[in-house]
Amino acid sequence: MRRREFIALVGGAAAAWPLAGHAQQPAVPIIGVLEPWSPAASASYLARFREGLNETGYVEGHNVIFDYRSAEGKNDRLPVLADELVRGGAAVIVASAIRAALAAKAATNTVPIVFATANDPVQFGLVKSLNRPGGNATGVSWLTAMLGEKRLGLLHELVPTATVVAVLVNPNNANADANVGNAQAAAHTLGMQVHLLKATDEQSLEGAFAGVVQQRAGLLLVLNDPLFTDLRPQIVALAARHALPAIYSQREYLDLGGLMSYGASVPEAYRQVGIYTGRILKGEKPADLPVVQSAKFELVINLKTARALGLTIPPGVLAIADEVIE
């Protein structure tokens, strides 16, 4: 072989070696994120999700890629978005709220799903049981329907003379009947009447509040719903406009001026979802990871809003608050 041909051959081989080595590198896994609400509404939750994921050694943009899909409040888009994540090669799908989880479950029985939901995942067929999910889904759940009595009791302590409570509900919510039934039972125990404010989208929200004055509602209970998560600013503003002392299921309402919240720590739940996602990426199976039931519940009170409403928070309520916003 001539010297020039030998040099060309060796040079060509050397150039090919890095390419071959690069081809053997494992693909960076994709985490599909499926949400019914707008990205802005879930920013704080996703921040805690990343924290949990980081605890397992995965960092977005470093050794894992996120693929976001948001229905922007239009639940009928969720099945299509779930299919897109499956076709896009998601290694794990993170599903927020029950409808997103069900859409993901319908789209695949092989891609692992980690859900965060306020509903009973057994009742809705996501898992066979909480301790042994048995399929391709697991996650975190917190049952908000059971907290209606506690929320209404706390609110009633602030205004014990109130006789009518307005309950904001999305009738399209899969858990609406259970939540409303719990609220009605709690109101009956306190000798109060319930006036339902039904809202299925942003346009119907203001109309729902129109009946507050006519019904002489003195309190407002806002039920948990992905739509309301998206419309937090509008709901808080309407409660203020009607001078309604209100209690919410999520602390995030109080950052916007809400009065009081009592419920599971949703950000902490998303941290656990991040941990489960990382464990699955490392090889664990959803079927073997028990559904986590949130055990951390928080009472948060906004004193500034209380003063604006002319309310004095009873010492007994302040004493049990986990956080007081001055």
C-alpha atoms as a PDB file:
ATOM      1  CA  MET A   1       0.000   0.000   0.000  1.00  0.00           C
ATOM      2  CA  ARG A   2       1.353   3.415  -0.920  1.00  0.00           C
ATOM      3  CA  ARG A   3       2.061   5.864   1.900  1.00  0.00           C
ATOM      4  CA  ARG A   4      -0.549   8.393   0.704  1.00  0.00           C
ATOM      5  CA  GLU A   5      -3.268   5.701   0.558  1.00  0.00           C
ATOM      6  CA  PHE A   6      -2.322   4.455   4.049  1.00  0.00           C
ATOM      7  CA  ILE A   7      -2.586   7.955   5.554  1.00  0.00           C
ATOM      8  CA  ALA A   8      -5.985   8.479   3.900  1.00  0.00           C
ATOM      9  CA  LEU A   9      -7.241   5.150   5.224  1.00  0.00           C
ATOM     10  CA  VAL A  10      -6.093   5.804   8.808  1.00  0.00           C
ATOM     11  CA  GLY A  11      -7.432   9.361   8.720  1.00  0.00           C
ATOM     12  CA  GLY A  12     -10.830   8.178   7.531  1.00  0.00           C
ATOM     13  CA  ALA A  13     -10.987   5.542  10.255  1.00  0.00           C
ATOM     14  CA  ALA A  14     -10.032   8.100  12.919  1.00  0.00           C
ATOM     15  CA  ALA A  15     -12.769  10.407  11.738  1.00  0.00           C
ATOM     16  CA  ALA A  16     -15.282   7.580  11.969  1.00  0.00           C
ATOM     17  CA  TRP A  17     -14.376   6.508  15.510  1.00  0.00           C
ATOM     18  CA  PRO A  18     -15.964   9.506  17.321  1.00  0.00           C
ATOM     19  CA  LEU A  19     -19.144   9.054  15.283  1.00  0.00           C
ATOM     20  CA  ALA A  20     -19.345   5.403  16.208  1.00  0.00           C
ATOM     21  CA  GLY A  21     -18.762   6.243  19.854  1.00  0.00           C
ATOM     22  CA  HIS A  22     -21.435   8.930  19.747  1.00  0.00           C
ATOM     23  CA  ALA A  23     -23.946   6.519  18.235  1.00  0.00           C
ATOM     24  CA  GLN A  24     -23.472   4.161  21.160  1.00  0.00           C
ATOM     25  CA  GLN A  25     -24.414   6.786  23.745  1.00  0.00           C
ATOM     26  CA  PRO A  26     -27.803   6.058  25.375  1.00  0.00           C
ATOM     27  CA  ALA A  27     -30.672   8.323  24.360  1.00  0.00           C
ATOM     28  CA  VAL A  28     -31.671  10.991  26.886  1.00  0.00           C
ATOM     29  CA  PRO A  29     -35.053   9.946  28.350  1.00  0.00           C
ATOM     30  CA  ILE A  30     -38.092  12.124  27.713  1.00  0.00           C
ATOM     31  CA  ILE A  31     -40.563  12.972  30.463  1.00  0.00           C
ATOM     32  CA  GLY A  32     -43.968  13.816  29.051  1.00  0.00           C
ATOM     33  CA  VAL A  33     -45.936  16.321  31.160  1.00  0.00           C
ATOM     34  CA  LEU A  34     -49.703  16.304  30.570  1.00  0.00           C
ATOM     35  CA  GLU A  35     -51.776  19.063  32.202  1.00  0.00           C
ATOM     36  CA  PRO A  36     -55.402  20.214  31.913  1.00  0.00           C
ATOM     37  CA  TRP A  37     -54.580  23.802  32.896  1.00  0.00           C
ATOM     38  CA  SER A  38     -52.248  26.503  31.571  1.00  0.00           C
ATOM     39  CA  PRO A  39     -48.482  26.277  32.283  1.00  0.00           C
ATOM     40  CA  ALA A  40     -48.631  29.469  34.361  1.00  0.00           C
ATOM     41  CA  ALA A  41     -51.123  27.888  36.774  1.00  0.00           C
ATOM     42  CA  SER A  42     -48.811  24.965  37.534  1.00  0.00           C
ATOM     43  CA  ALA A  43     -45.442  26.720  37.621  1.00  0.00           C
ATOM     44  CA  SER A  44     -45.024  26.349  41.390  1.00  0.00           C
ATOM     45  CA  TYR A  45     -46.025  22.678  41.273  1.00  0.00           C
ATOM     46  CA  LEU A  46     -43.577  21.877  38.491  1.00  0.00           C
ATOM     47  CA  ALA A  47     -40.806  23.609  40.423  1.00  0.00           C
ATOM     48  CA  ARG A  48     -41.344  21.167  43.299  1.00  0.00           C
ATOM     49  CA  PHE A  49     -41.605  18.296  40.810  1.00  0.00           C
ATOM     50  CA  ARG A  50     -38.151  19.178  39.528  1.00  0.00           C
ATOM     51  CA  GLU A  51     -36.851  19.222  43.099  1.00  0.00           C
ATOM     52  CA  GLY A  52     -38.064  15.674  43.651  1.00  0.00           C
ATOM     53  CA  LEU A  53     -36.664  14.587  40.306  1.00  0.00           C
ATOM     54  CA  ASN A  54     -33.311  16.174  41.142  1.00  0.00           C
ATOM     55  CA  GLU A  55     -33.193  14.165  44.370  1.00  0.00           C
ATOM     56  CA  THR A  56     -33.001  11.029  42.238  1.00  0.00           C
ATOM     57  CA  GLY A  57     -30.175  12.416  40.099  1.00  0.00           C
ATOM     58  CA  TYR A  58     -32.122  13.684  37.093  1.00  0.00           C
ATOM     59  CA  VAL A  59     -31.857  17.310  35.959  1.00  0.00           C
ATOM     60  CA  GLU A  60     -33.937  18.843  33.167  1.00  0.00           C
ATOM     61  CA  GLY A  61     -31.779  19.739  30.180  1.00  0.00           C
ATOM     62  CA  HIS A  62     -28.851  17.697  31.506  1.00  0.00           C
ATOM     63  CA  ASN A  63     -29.768  14.013  31.579  1.00  0.00           C
ATOM     64  CA  VAL A  64     -33.508  14.222  30.953  1.00  0.00           C
ATOM     65  CA  ILE A  65     -35.752  16.186  28.558  1.00  0.00           C
ATOM     66  CA  PHE A  66     -39.269  17.491  29.279  1.00  0.00           C
ATOM     67  CA  ASP A  67     -42.044  17.422  26.682  1.00  0.00           C
ATOM     68  CA  TYR A  68     -44.921  19.643  27.863  1.00  0.00           C
ATOM     69  CA  ARG A  69     -48.525  19.299  26.731  1.00  0.00           C
ATOM     70  CA  SER A  70     -51.202  21.614  28.171  1.00  0.00           C
ATOM     71  CA  ALA A  71     -54.924  21.451  27.395  1.00  0.00           C
ATOM     72  CA  GLU A  72     -55.335  25.115  28.437  1.00  0.00           C
ATOM     73  CA  GLY A  73     -58.546  24.291  30.284  1.00  0.00           C
ATOM     74  CA  LYS A  74     -60.051  22.297  27.378  1.00  0.00           C
ATOM     75  CA  ASN A  75     -60.329  18.735  28.686  1.00  0.00           C
ATOM     76  CA  ASP A  76     -61.443  17.342  25.339  1.00  0.00           C
ATOM     77  CA  ARG A  77     -57.894  17.961  24.059  1.00  0.00           C
ATOM     78  CA  LEU A  78     -56.285  15.691  26.639  1.00  0.00           C
ATOM     79  CA  PRO A  79     -56.639  12.387  24.711  1.00  0.00           C
ATOM     80  CA  VAL A  80     -54.958  13.885  21.628  1.00  0.00           C
ATOM     81  CA  LEU A  81     -52.162  15.376  23.727  1.00  0.00           C
ATOM     82  CA  ALA A  82     -51.633  12.061  25.498  1.00  0.00           C
ATOM     83  CA  ASP A  83     -51.323  10.284  22.155  1.00  0.00           C
ATOM     84  CA  GLU A  84     -48.737  12.855  21.062  1.00  0.00           C
ATOM     85  CA  LEU A  85     -46.611  12.127  24.133  1.00  0.00           C
ATOM     86  CA  VAL A  86     -46.755   8.384  23.483  1.00  0.00           C
ATOM     87  CA  ARG A  87     -45.833   8.807  19.811  1.00  0.00           C
ATOM     88  CA  GLY A  88     -43.085  11.239  20.811  1.00  0.00           C
ATOM     89  CA  GLY A  89     -41.311   8.509  22.728  1.00  0.00           C
ATOM     90  CA  ALA A  90     -41.963   9.604  26.317  1.00  0.00           C
ATOM     91  CA  ALA A  91     -40.227   7.293  28.780  1.00  0.00           C
ATOM     92  CA  VAL A  92     -42.625   8.390  31.542  1.00  0.00           C
ATOM     93  CA  ILE A  93     -45.824  10.458  31.447  1.00  0.00           C
ATOM     94  CA  VAL A  94     -46.558  12.762  34.383  1.00  0.00           C
ATOM     95  CA  ALA A  95     -50.307  13.444  34.493  1.00  0.00           C
ATOM     96  CA  SER A  96     -51.853  16.254  36.539  1.00  0.00           C
ATOM     97  CA  ALA A  97     -55.459  15.742  37.736  1.00  0.00           C
ATOM     98  CA  ILE A  98     -57.780  12.828  37.121  1.00  0.00           C
ATOM     99  CA  ARG A  99     -58.812  13.602  33.531  1.00  0.00           C
ATOM    100  CA  ALA A 100     -55.203  13.885  32.364  1.00  0.00           C
ATOM    101  CA  ALA A 101     -54.363  10.617  34.118  1.00  0.00           C
ATOM    102  CA  LEU A 102     -57.317   8.843  32.505  1.00  0.00           C
ATOM    103  CA  ALA A 103     -56.360  10.203  29.074  1.00  0.00           C
ATOM    104  CA  ALA A 104     -52.808   8.936  29.523  1.00  0.00           C
ATOM    105  CA  LYS A 105     -54.071   5.551  30.713  1.00  0.00           C
ATOM    106  CA  ALA A 106     -56.295   5.260  27.633  1.00  0.00           C
ATOM    107  CA  ALA A 107     -53.389   6.175  25.357  1.00  0.00           C
ATOM    108  CA  THR A 108     -50.961   3.507  26.590  1.00  0.00           C
ATOM    109  CA  ASN A 109     -50.750   0.416  28.765  1.00  0.00           C
ATOM    110  CA  THR A 110     -46.970   0.201  28.515  1.00  0.00           C
ATOM    111  CA  VAL A 111     -45.505   3.689  29.072  1.00  0.00           C
ATOM    112  CA  PRO A 112     -45.258   4.340  32.842  1.00  0.00           C
ATOM    113  CA  ILE A 113     -47.633   6.997  34.178  1.00  0.00           C
ATOM    114  CA  VAL A 114     -47.129   8.976  37.394  1.00  0.00           C
ATOM    115  CA  PHE A 115     -50.245  10.916  38.399  1.00  0.00           C
ATOM    116  CA  ALA A 116     -51.135  13.650  40.878  1.00  0.00           C
ATOM    117  CA  THR A 117     -54.847  13.689  41.612  1.00  0.00           C
ATOM    118  CA  ALA A 118     -57.398  14.779  44.186  1.00  0.00           C
ATOM    119  CA  ASN A 119     -59.564  11.782  43.287  1.00  0.00           C
ATOM    120  CA  ASP A 120     -59.581   8.132  44.299  1.00  0.00           C
ATOM    121  CA  PRO A 121     -57.394   6.370  41.674  1.00  0.00           C
ATOM    122  CA  VAL A 122     -58.956   2.988  42.498  1.00  0.00           C
ATOM    123  CA  GLN A 123     -62.492   4.257  41.979  1.00  0.00           C
ATOM    124  CA  PHE A 124     -61.554   5.654  38.564  1.00  0.00           C
ATOM    125  CA  GLY A 125     -59.703   2.530  37.451  1.00  0.00           C
ATOM    126  CA  LEU A 126     -56.192   3.976  37.322  1.00  0.00           C
ATOM    127  CA  VAL A 127     -54.837   1.314  39.689  1.00  0.00           C
ATOM    128  CA  LYS A 128     -56.069  -2.003  41.081  1.00  0.00           C
ATOM    129  CA  SER A 129     -55.280  -1.008  44.650  1.00  0.00           C
ATOM    130  CA  LEU A 130     -53.334   1.689  46.469  1.00  0.00           C
ATOM    131  CA  ASN A 131     -50.717  -0.702  47.851  1.00  0.00           C
ATOM    132  CA  ARG A 132     -50.306  -2.758  44.672  1.00  0.00           C
ATOM    133  CA  PRO A 133     -51.216  -0.627  41.626  1.00  0.00           C
ATOM    134  CA  GLY A 134     -50.660  -3.585  39.330  1.00  0.00           C
ATOM    135  CA  GLY A 135     -50.437  -1.787  35.985  1.00  0.00           C
ATOM    136  CA  ASN A 136     -48.461   0.994  34.329  1.00  0.00           C
ATOM    137  CA  ALA A 137     -49.674   3.803  36.625  1.00  0.00           C
ATOM    138  CA  THR A 138     -48.964   5.030  40.142  1.00  0.00           C
ATOM    139  CA  GLY A 139     -48.597   8.397  41.829  1.00  0.00           C
ATOM    140  CA  VAL A 140     -49.978  10.599  44.589  1.00  0.00           C
ATOM    141  CA  SER A 141     -53.587  11.216  45.621  1.00  0.00           C
ATOM    142  CA  TRP A 142     -55.344  13.414  48.140  1.00  0.00           C
ATOM    143  CA  LEU A 143     -59.087  13.105  48.705  1.00  0.00           C
ATOM    144  CA  THR A 144     -60.496  16.627  48.868  1.00  0.00           C
ATOM    145  CA  ALA A 145     -64.136  15.528  49.147  1.00  0.00           C
ATOM    146  CA  MET A 146     -63.540  14.439  52.724  1.00  0.00           C
ATOM    147  CA  LEU A 147     -62.219  17.880  53.712  1.00  0.00           C
ATOM    148  CA  GLY A 148     -65.352  19.866  52.952  1.00  0.00           C
ATOM    149  CA  GLU A 149     -66.677  19.557  56.504  1.00  0.00           C
ATOM    150  CA  LYS A 150     -63.404  20.766  57.996  1.00  0.00           C
ATOM    151  CA  ARG A 151     -63.151  23.717  55.567  1.00  0.00           C
ATOM    152  CA  LEU A 152     -66.692  24.870  56.126  1.00  0.00           C
ATOM    153  CA  GLY A 153     -66.319  24.515  59.894  1.00  0.00           C
ATOM    154  CA  LEU A 154     -63.228  26.727  59.877  1.00  0.00           C
ATOM    155  CA  LEU A 155     -64.962  29.323  57.730  1.00  0.00           C
ATOM    156  CA  HIS A 156     -68.072  29.298  59.916  1.00  0.00           C
ATOM    157  CA  GLU A 157     -65.955  30.088  62.979  1.00  0.00           C
ATOM    158  CA  LEU A 158     -65.041  33.395  61.319  1.00  0.00           C
ATOM    159  CA  VAL A 159     -68.664  34.340  60.592  1.00  0.00           C
ATOM    160  CA  PRO A 160     -70.877  32.280  62.923  1.00  0.00           C
ATOM    161  CA  THR A 161     -73.938  34.384  62.031  1.00  0.00           C
ATOM    162  CA  ALA A 162     -73.863  33.368  58.348  1.00  0.00           C
ATOM    163  CA  THR A 163     -76.840  31.236  57.324  1.00  0.00           C
ATOM    164  CA  VAL A 164     -76.097  30.673  53.601  1.00  0.00           C
ATOM    165  CA  VAL A 165     -72.850  29.411  52.090  1.00  0.00           C
ATOM    166  CA  ALA A 166     -72.142  29.695  48.364  1.00  0.00           C
ATOM    167  CA  VAL A 167     -70.316  26.674  46.969  1.00  0.00           C
ATOM    168  CA  LEU A 168     -68.407  27.159  43.720  1.00  0.00           C
ATOM    169  CA  VAL A 169     -68.429  23.920  41.729  1.00  0.00           C
ATOM    170  CA  ASN A 170     -67.670  22.769  38.204  1.00  0.00           C
ATOM    171  CA  PRO A 171     -70.486  20.262  37.482  1.00  0.00           C
ATOM    172  CA  ASN A 172     -68.276  18.620  34.845  1.00  0.00           C
ATOM    173  CA  ASN A 173     -65.729  17.621  37.484  1.00  0.00           C
ATOM    174  CA  ALA A 174     -65.572  13.871  37.982  1.00  0.00           C
ATOM    175  CA  ASN A 175     -65.688  14.368  41.743  1.00  0.00           C
ATOM    176  CA  ALA A 176     -68.363  17.087  41.774  1.00  0.00           C
ATOM    177  CA  ASP A 177     -71.167  15.021  43.303  1.00  0.00           C
ATOM    178  CA  ALA A 178     -69.009  13.749  46.167  1.00  0.00           C
ATOM    179  CA  ASN A 179     -67.656  17.228  46.908  1.00  0.00           C
ATOM    180  CA  VAL A 180     -71.081  18.867  46.829  1.00  0.00           C
ATOM    181  CA  GLY A 181     -72.649  16.122  48.939  1.00  0.00           C
ATOM    182  CA  ASN A 182     -69.950  16.508  51.563  1.00  0.00           C
ATOM    183  CA  ALA A 183     -70.405  20.288  51.624  1.00  0.00           C
ATOM    184  CA  GLN A 184     -74.187  19.993  51.932  1.00  0.00           C
ATOM    185  CA  ALA A 185     -73.885  17.546  54.817  1.00  0.00           C
ATOM    186  CA  ALA A 186     -71.443  19.864  56.586  1.00  0.00           C
ATOM    187  CA  ALA A 187     -73.700  22.891  56.042  1.00  0.00           C
ATOM    188  CA  HIS A 188     -76.714  20.997  57.402  1.00  0.00           C
ATOM    189  CA  THR A 189     -74.765  20.151  60.559  1.00  0.00           C
ATOM    190  CA  LEU A 190     -74.004  23.850  61.034  1.00  0.00           C
ATOM    191  CA  GLY A 191     -77.610  24.871  60.363  1.00  0.00           C
ATOM    192  CA  MET A 192     -76.732  26.543  57.047  1.00  0.00           C
ATOM    193  CA  GLN A 193     -78.177  26.454  53.558  1.00  0.00           C
ATOM    194  CA  VAL A 194     -76.092  25.807  50.430  1.00  0.00           C
ATOM    195  CA  HIS A 195     -76.328  27.869  47.260  1.00  0.00           C
ATOM    196  CA  LEU A 196     -74.444  26.285  44.348  1.00  0.00           C
ATOM    197  CA  LEU A 197     -72.457  28.513  41.999  1.00  0.00           C
ATOM    198  CA  LYS A 198     -71.920  26.474  38.845  1.00  0.00           C
ATOM    199  CA  ALA A 199     -69.111  27.398  36.450  1.00  0.00           C
ATOM    200  CA  THR A 200     -67.806  25.314  33.566  1.00  0.00           C
ATOM    201  CA  ASP A 201     -65.523  27.913  31.952  1.00  0.00           C
ATOM    202  CA  GLU A 202     -64.226  31.443  32.411  1.00  0.00           C
ATOM    203  CA  GLN A 203     -67.228  32.976  30.676  1.00  0.00           C
ATOM    204  CA  SER A 204     -69.713  31.385  33.090  1.00  0.00           C
ATOM    205  CA  LEU A 205     -67.714  32.247  36.211  1.00  0.00           C
ATOM    206  CA  GLU A 206     -68.906  35.828  36.637  1.00  0.00           C
ATOM    207  CA  GLY A 207     -72.471  34.805  35.932  1.00  0.00           C
ATOM    208  CA  ALA A 208     -72.233  32.166  38.639  1.00  0.00           C
ATOM    209  CA  PHE A 209     -71.394  34.842  41.207  1.00  0.00           C
ATOM    210  CA  ALA A 210     -74.376  36.940  40.164  1.00  0.00           C
ATOM    211  CA  GLY A 211     -76.690  34.913  42.417  1.00  0.00           C
ATOM    212  CA  VAL A 212     -74.637  35.575  45.546  1.00  0.00           C
ATOM    213  CA  VAL A 213     -76.419  38.836  46.394  1.00  0.00           C
ATOM    214  CA  GLN A 214     -79.884  37.472  45.690  1.00  0.00           C
ATOM    215  CA  GLN A 215     -79.285  34.402  47.845  1.00  0.00           C
ATOM    216  CA  ARG A 216     -77.660  36.516  50.587  1.00  0.00           C
ATOM    217  CA  ALA A 217     -74.718  34.172  50.868  1.00  0.00           C
ATOM    218  CA  GLY A 218     -72.373  35.103  53.683  1.00  0.00           C
ATOM    219  CA  LEU A 219     -69.565  32.625  53.006  1.00  0.00           C
ATOM    220  CA  LEU A 220     -67.875  31.040  49.973  1.00  0.00           C
ATOM    221  CA  LEU A 221     -66.475  27.526  49.689  1.00  0.00           C
ATOM    222  CA  VAL A 222     -64.440  26.957  46.506  1.00  0.00           C
ATOM    223  CA  LEU A 223     -64.227  23.288  45.589  1.00  0.00           C
ATOM    224  CA  ASN A 224     -61.099  21.795  44.094  1.00  0.00           C
ATOM    225  CA  ASP A 225     -61.077  21.726  40.285  1.00  0.00           C
ATOM    226  CA  PRO A 226     -58.443  22.110  37.524  1.00  0.00           C
ATOM    227  CA  LEU A 227     -60.558  24.860  35.946  1.00  0.00           C
ATOM    228  CA  PHE A 228     -60.525  26.838  39.179  1.00  0.00           C
ATOM    229  CA  THR A 229     -56.773  26.308  39.483  1.00  0.00           C
ATOM    230  CA  ASP A 230     -56.457  28.074  36.135  1.00  0.00           C
ATOM    231  CA  LEU A 231     -58.894  30.831  37.157  1.00  0.00           C
ATOM    232  CA  ARG A 232     -57.474  31.574  40.602  1.00  0.00           C
ATOM    233  CA  PRO A 233     -56.985  35.334  39.978  1.00  0.00           C
ATOM    234  CA  GLN A 234     -60.547  35.807  38.727  1.00  0.00           C
ATOM    235  CA  ILE A 235     -62.089  33.801  41.588  1.00  0.00           C
ATOM    236  CA  VAL A 236     -60.197  35.696  44.287  1.00  0.00           C
ATOM    237  CA  ALA A 237     -61.142  39.001  42.657  1.00  0.00           C
ATOM    238  CA  LEU A 238     -64.833  38.037  42.519  1.00  0.00           C
ATOM    239  CA  ALA A 239     -64.807  36.974  46.170  1.00  0.00           C
ATOM    240  CA  ALA A 240     -63.307  40.356  47.075  1.00  0.00           C
ATOM    241  CA  ARG A 241     -65.809  42.251  44.919  1.00  0.00           C
ATOM    242  CA  HIS A 242     -68.709  40.556  46.714  1.00  0.00           C
ATOM    243  CA  ALA A 243     -66.997  40.843  50.129  1.00  0.00           C
ATOM    244  CA  LEU A 244     -67.294  37.100  50.630  1.00  0.00           C
ATOM    245  CA  PRO A 245     -65.094  35.392  53.228  1.00  0.00           C
ATOM    246  CA  ALA A 246     -63.852  32.397  51.253  1.00  0.00           C
ATOM    247  CA  ILE A 247     -61.917  29.216  51.905  1.00  0.00           C
ATOM    248  CA  TYR A 248     -59.981  27.370  49.209  1.00  0.00           C
ATOM    249  CA  SER A 249     -58.346  23.973  48.779  1.00  0.00           C
ATOM    250  CA  GLN A 250     -54.917  25.326  47.797  1.00  0.00           C
ATOM    251  CA  ARG A 251     -52.545  27.763  49.443  1.00  0.00           C
ATOM    252  CA  GLU A 252     -51.760  29.377  46.078  1.00  0.00           C
ATOM    253  CA  TYR A 253     -55.079  31.274  46.213  1.00  0.00           C
ATOM    254  CA  LEU A 254     -53.772  33.212  49.202  1.00  0.00           C
ATOM    255  CA  ASP A 255     -50.782  34.513  47.262  1.00  0.00           C
ATOM    256  CA  LEU A 256     -53.383  36.328  45.150  1.00  0.00           C
ATOM    257  CA  GLY A 257     -55.268  37.733  48.128  1.00  0.00           C
ATOM    258  CA  GLY A 258     -57.484  34.825  49.161  1.00  0.00           C
ATOM    259  CA  LEU A 259     -58.575  34.652  52.808  1.00  0.00           C
ATOM    260  CA  MET A 260     -58.042  31.074  53.948  1.00  0.00           C
ATOM    261  CA  SER A 261     -57.054  27.655  52.607  1.00  0.00           C
ATOM    262  CA  TYR A 262     -57.110  24.170  54.031  1.00  0.00           C
ATOM    263  CA  GLY A 263     -55.970  21.109  52.149  1.00  0.00           C
ATOM    264  CA  ALA A 264     -53.161  18.826  51.170  1.00  0.00           C
ATOM    265  CA  SER A 265     -49.820  20.368  50.340  1.00  0.00           C
ATOM    266  CA  VAL A 266     -50.021  20.107  46.552  1.00  0.00           C
ATOM    267  CA  PRO A 267     -46.417  21.287  46.002  1.00  0.00           C
ATOM    268  CA  GLU A 268     -45.208  18.534  48.369  1.00  0.00           C
ATOM    269  CA  ALA A 269     -47.293  16.006  46.435  1.00  0.00           C
ATOM    270  CA  TYR A 270     -45.571  17.057  43.220  1.00  0.00           C
ATOM    271  CA  ARG A 271     -42.169  16.631  44.860  1.00  0.00           C
ATOM    272  CA  GLN A 272     -43.153  13.013  45.546  1.00  0.00           C
ATOM    273  CA  VAL A 273     -44.283  12.662  41.917  1.00  0.00           C
ATOM    274  CA  GLY A 274     -40.796  13.813  40.888  1.00  0.00           C
ATOM    275  CA  ILE A 275     -39.188  11.202  43.135  1.00  0.00           C
ATOM    276  CA  TYR A 276     -41.375   8.430  41.713  1.00  0.00           C
ATOM    277  CA  THR A 277     -40.599   9.571  38.167  1.00  0.00           C
ATOM    278  CA  GLY A 278     -36.863   9.352  38.841  1.00  0.00           C
ATOM    279  CA  ARG A 279     -37.186   5.917  40.419  1.00  0.00           C
ATOM    280  CA  ILE A 280     -39.087   4.663  37.374  1.00  0.00           C
ATOM    281  CA  LEU A 281     -36.448   6.079  35.032  1.00  0.00           C
ATOM    282  CA  LYS A 282     -33.913   4.048  37.023  1.00  0.00           C
ATOM    283  CA  GLY A 283     -35.824   0.858  36.356  1.00  0.00           C
ATOM    284  CA  GLU A 284     -38.513   0.467  39.020  1.00  0.00           C
ATOM    285  CA  LYS A 285     -42.012  -0.515  37.876  1.00  0.00           C
ATOM    286  CA  PRO A 286     -45.174   1.502  38.592  1.00  0.00           C
ATOM    287  CA  ALA A 287     -46.912  -1.741  39.537  1.00  0.00           C
ATOM    288  CA  ASP A 288     -44.515  -2.095  42.481  1.00  0.00           C
ATOM    289  CA  LEU A 289     -44.729   1.507  43.750  1.00  0.00           C
ATOM    290  CA  PRO A 290     -47.685   2.045  46.132  1.00  0.00           C
ATOM    291  CA  VAL A 291     -49.855   5.103  45.547  1.00  0.00           C
ATOM    292  CA  VAL A 292     -48.826   7.777  48.033  1.00  0.00           C
ATOM    293  CA  GLN A 293     -51.706   9.277  50.002  1.00  0.00           C
ATOM    294  CA  SER A 294     -50.956  12.818  51.116  1.00  0.00           C
ATOM    295  CA  ALA A 295     -50.828  13.006  54.891  1.00  0.00           C
ATOM    296  CA  LYS A 296     -49.691  16.624  55.149  1.00  0.00           C
ATOM    297  CA  PHE A 297     -52.566  19.116  55.405  1.00  0.00           C
ATOM    298  CA  GLU A 298     -52.091  22.845  55.843  1.00  0.00           C
ATOM    299  CA  LEU A 299     -54.244  25.651  57.193  1.00  0.00           C
ATOM    300  CA  VAL A 300     -53.106  29.037  55.876  1.00  0.00           C
ATOM    301  CA  ILE A 301     -54.694  32.393  56.791  1.00  0.00           C
ATOM    302  CA  ASN A 302     -54.231  35.777  55.141  1.00  0.00           C
ATOM    303  CA  LEU A 303     -54.599  38.416  57.875  1.00  0.00           C
ATOM    304  CA  LYS A 304     -54.398  41.293  55.411  1.00  0.00           C
ATOM    305  CA  THR A 305     -57.472  39.999  53.598  1.00  0.00           C
ATOM    306  CA  ALA A 306     -59.229  39.355  56.903  1.00  0.00           C
ATOM    307  CA  ARG A 307     -58.742  42.990  57.900  1.00  0.00           C
ATOM    308  CA  ALA A 308     -60.017  44.169  54.521  1.00  0.00           C
ATOM    309  CA  LEU A 309     -63.197  42.139  55.117  1.00  0.00           C
ATOM    310  CA  GLY A 310     -63.532  43.487  58.663  1.00  0.00           C
ATOM    311  CA  LEU A 311     -62.989  40.051  60.179  1.00  0.00           C
ATOM    312  CA  THR A 312     -61.220  39.093  63.372  1.00  0.00           C
ATOM    313  CA  ILE A 313     -59.674  35.633  63.266  1.00  0.00           C
ATOM    314  CA  PRO A 314     -60.543  33.745  66.481  1.00  0.00           C
ATOM    315  CA  PRO A 315     -57.462  32.911  68.603  1.00  0.00           C
ATOM    316  CA  GLY A 316     -58.314  29.221  68.453  1.00  0.00           C
ATOM    317  CA  VAL A 317     -58.167  29.257  64.634  1.00  0.00           C
ATOM    318  CA  LEU A 318     -54.925  31.238  64.588  1.00  0.00           C
ATOM    319  CA  ALA A 319     -53.400  28.774  67.024  1.00  0.00           C
ATOM    320  CA  ILE A 320     -53.833  25.829  64.654  1.00  0.00           C
ATOM    321  CA  ALA A 321     -52.741  27.671  61.486  1.00  0.00           C
ATOM    322  CA  ASP A 322     -49.659  26.297  59.778  1.00  0.00           C
ATOM    323  CA  GLU A 323     -48.932  29.678  58.189  1.00  0.00           C
ATOM    324  CA  VAL A 324     -50.230  33.204  58.756  1.00  0.00           C
ATOM    325  CA  ILE A 325     -49.713  35.802  56.037  1.00  0.00           C
ATOM    326  CA  GLU A 326     -49.428  39.254  57.621  1.00  0.00           C
END
